[in-house]
Amino acid sequence: MAEETQQTTARLEARLPNEVHALLKRAAEIEGRTLTDFVVSAAREAACRTIEGMEIIRLSVQDQQQIAEALLNPPEPTPALKKAFQQRRELLGLG
């Protein structure tokens, strides 16, 4: 017996100016899609772009070079950092 997969959905209602509704409906018809499919797809793409814009860090070439330089040639640890590592070793019983 094959398992049936149920897709959960949520409802979204919006009040649109008539001209916006007509525009969306026309675009959906041009793509051969339902209005709901068109709107959901467009909203999903816009949401992904917005989230991606917040999650991706974009660096200039100069910033990238500075990070690479710091990784390849890190500065000597400061006395405070050396002390912190020593305390960590003692706390974890590493010597």
Protein backbone atom coordinates (compact mmCIF):
# COMPACT_ATOMS: atom_id res chain seq x y z
CA MET A 1 0.00 0.00 0.00
CA ALA A 2 1.56 3.30 -1.08
CA GLU A 3 1.75 6.08 1.44
CA GLU A 4 -0.12 9.23 0.52
CA THR A 5 1.81 12.43 0.93
CA GLN A 6 -0.26 15.28 2.26
CA GLN A 7 0.93 18.75 1.47
CA THR A 8 0.03 21.28 4.10
CA THR A 9 -0.98 24.72 2.94
CA ALA A 10 -1.72 28.07 4.48
CA ARG A 11 -4.07 30.73 3.24
CA LEU A 12 -2.97 34.25 2.34
CA GLU A 13 -5.49 36.90 1.50
CA ALA A 14 -4.71 40.31 0.09
CA ARG A 15 -6.71 43.27 -1.08
CA LEU A 16 -5.35 44.55 -4.38
CA PRO A 17 -6.16 47.57 -6.47
CA ASN A 18 -8.04 46.46 -9.58
CA GLU A 19 -5.20 47.47 -11.89
CA VAL A 20 -2.70 45.35 -9.93
CA HIS A 21 -5.06 42.37 -10.02
CA ALA A 22 -5.48 42.78 -13.78
CA LEU A 23 -1.73 43.06 -14.26
CA LEU A 24 -1.05 39.89 -12.27
CA LYS A 25 -3.82 38.02 -14.04
CA ARG A 26 -2.49 39.04 -17.47
CA ALA A 27 1.07 37.98 -16.57
CA ALA A 28 -0.20 34.63 -15.28
CA GLU A 29 -2.15 34.07 -18.50
CA ILE A 30 0.91 34.90 -20.61
CA GLU A 31 2.88 32.23 -18.74
CA GLY A 32 -0.01 29.76 -18.92
CA ARG A 33 -0.31 29.55 -15.14
CA THR A 34 -3.05 30.12 -12.66
CA LEU A 35 -3.13 33.44 -10.87
CA THR A 36 -2.45 31.69 -7.57
CA ASP A 37 0.54 29.79 -8.98
CA PHE A 38 1.95 32.94 -10.54
CA VAL A 39 1.58 35.03 -7.37
CA VAL A 40 2.95 32.34 -5.07
CA SER A 41 5.94 31.74 -7.35
CA ALA A 42 6.71 35.47 -7.67
CA ALA A 43 6.34 36.03 -3.94
CA ARG A 44 8.57 33.06 -3.15
CA GLU A 45 11.29 34.30 -5.52
CA ALA A 46 11.13 37.79 -3.99
CA ALA A 47 11.29 36.34 -0.47
CA CYS A 48 14.32 34.20 -1.35
CA ARG A 49 16.12 37.22 -2.86
CA THR A 50 15.38 39.28 0.25
CA ILE A 51 16.61 36.59 2.64
CA GLU A 52 19.67 35.87 0.50
CA GLY A 53 20.51 39.56 0.52
CA MET A 54 20.62 39.50 4.31
CA GLU A 55 22.50 36.20 4.67
CA ILE A 56 25.25 36.58 2.07
CA ILE A 57 28.21 38.72 2.95
CA ARG A 58 29.57 40.54 -0.05
CA LEU A 59 33.14 41.76 0.20
CA SER A 60 35.16 44.04 -1.99
CA VAL A 61 38.32 42.64 -3.55
CA GLN A 62 40.35 44.60 -0.98
CA ASP A 63 38.33 43.09 1.89
CA GLN A 64 38.82 39.60 0.45
CA GLN A 65 42.56 40.17 0.22
CA GLN A 66 42.72 41.39 3.83
CA ILE A 67 40.90 38.29 5.07
CA ALA A 68 43.11 35.98 3.02
CA GLU A 69 46.23 37.75 4.32
CA ALA A 70 45.04 37.42 7.93
CA LEU A 71 44.37 33.70 7.42
CA LEU A 72 47.67 33.02 5.67
CA ASN A 73 49.78 35.20 7.96
CA PRO A 74 48.00 35.53 11.30
CA PRO A 75 49.45 37.94 13.86
CA GLU A 76 51.28 36.59 16.90
CA PRO A 77 48.92 35.82 19.78
CA THR A 78 48.68 38.52 22.42
CA PRO A 79 49.50 37.75 26.07
CA ALA A 80 45.77 37.77 26.84
CA LEU A 81 45.09 35.19 24.13
CA LYS A 82 47.95 33.00 25.34
CA LYS A 83 46.54 33.18 28.87
CA ALA A 84 43.05 32.26 27.61
CA PHE A 85 44.41 29.21 25.77
CA GLN A 86 46.34 28.14 28.87
CA GLN A 87 43.21 28.45 31.00
CA ARG A 88 41.28 26.42 28.43
CA ARG A 89 43.89 23.67 28.49
CA GLU A 90 43.79 23.56 32.29
CA LEU A 91 39.98 23.58 32.36
CA LEU A 92 39.77 20.72 29.88
CA GLY A 93 42.64 18.81 31.49
CA LEU A 94 44.75 18.99 28.34
CA GLY A 95 47.97 19.76 30.04
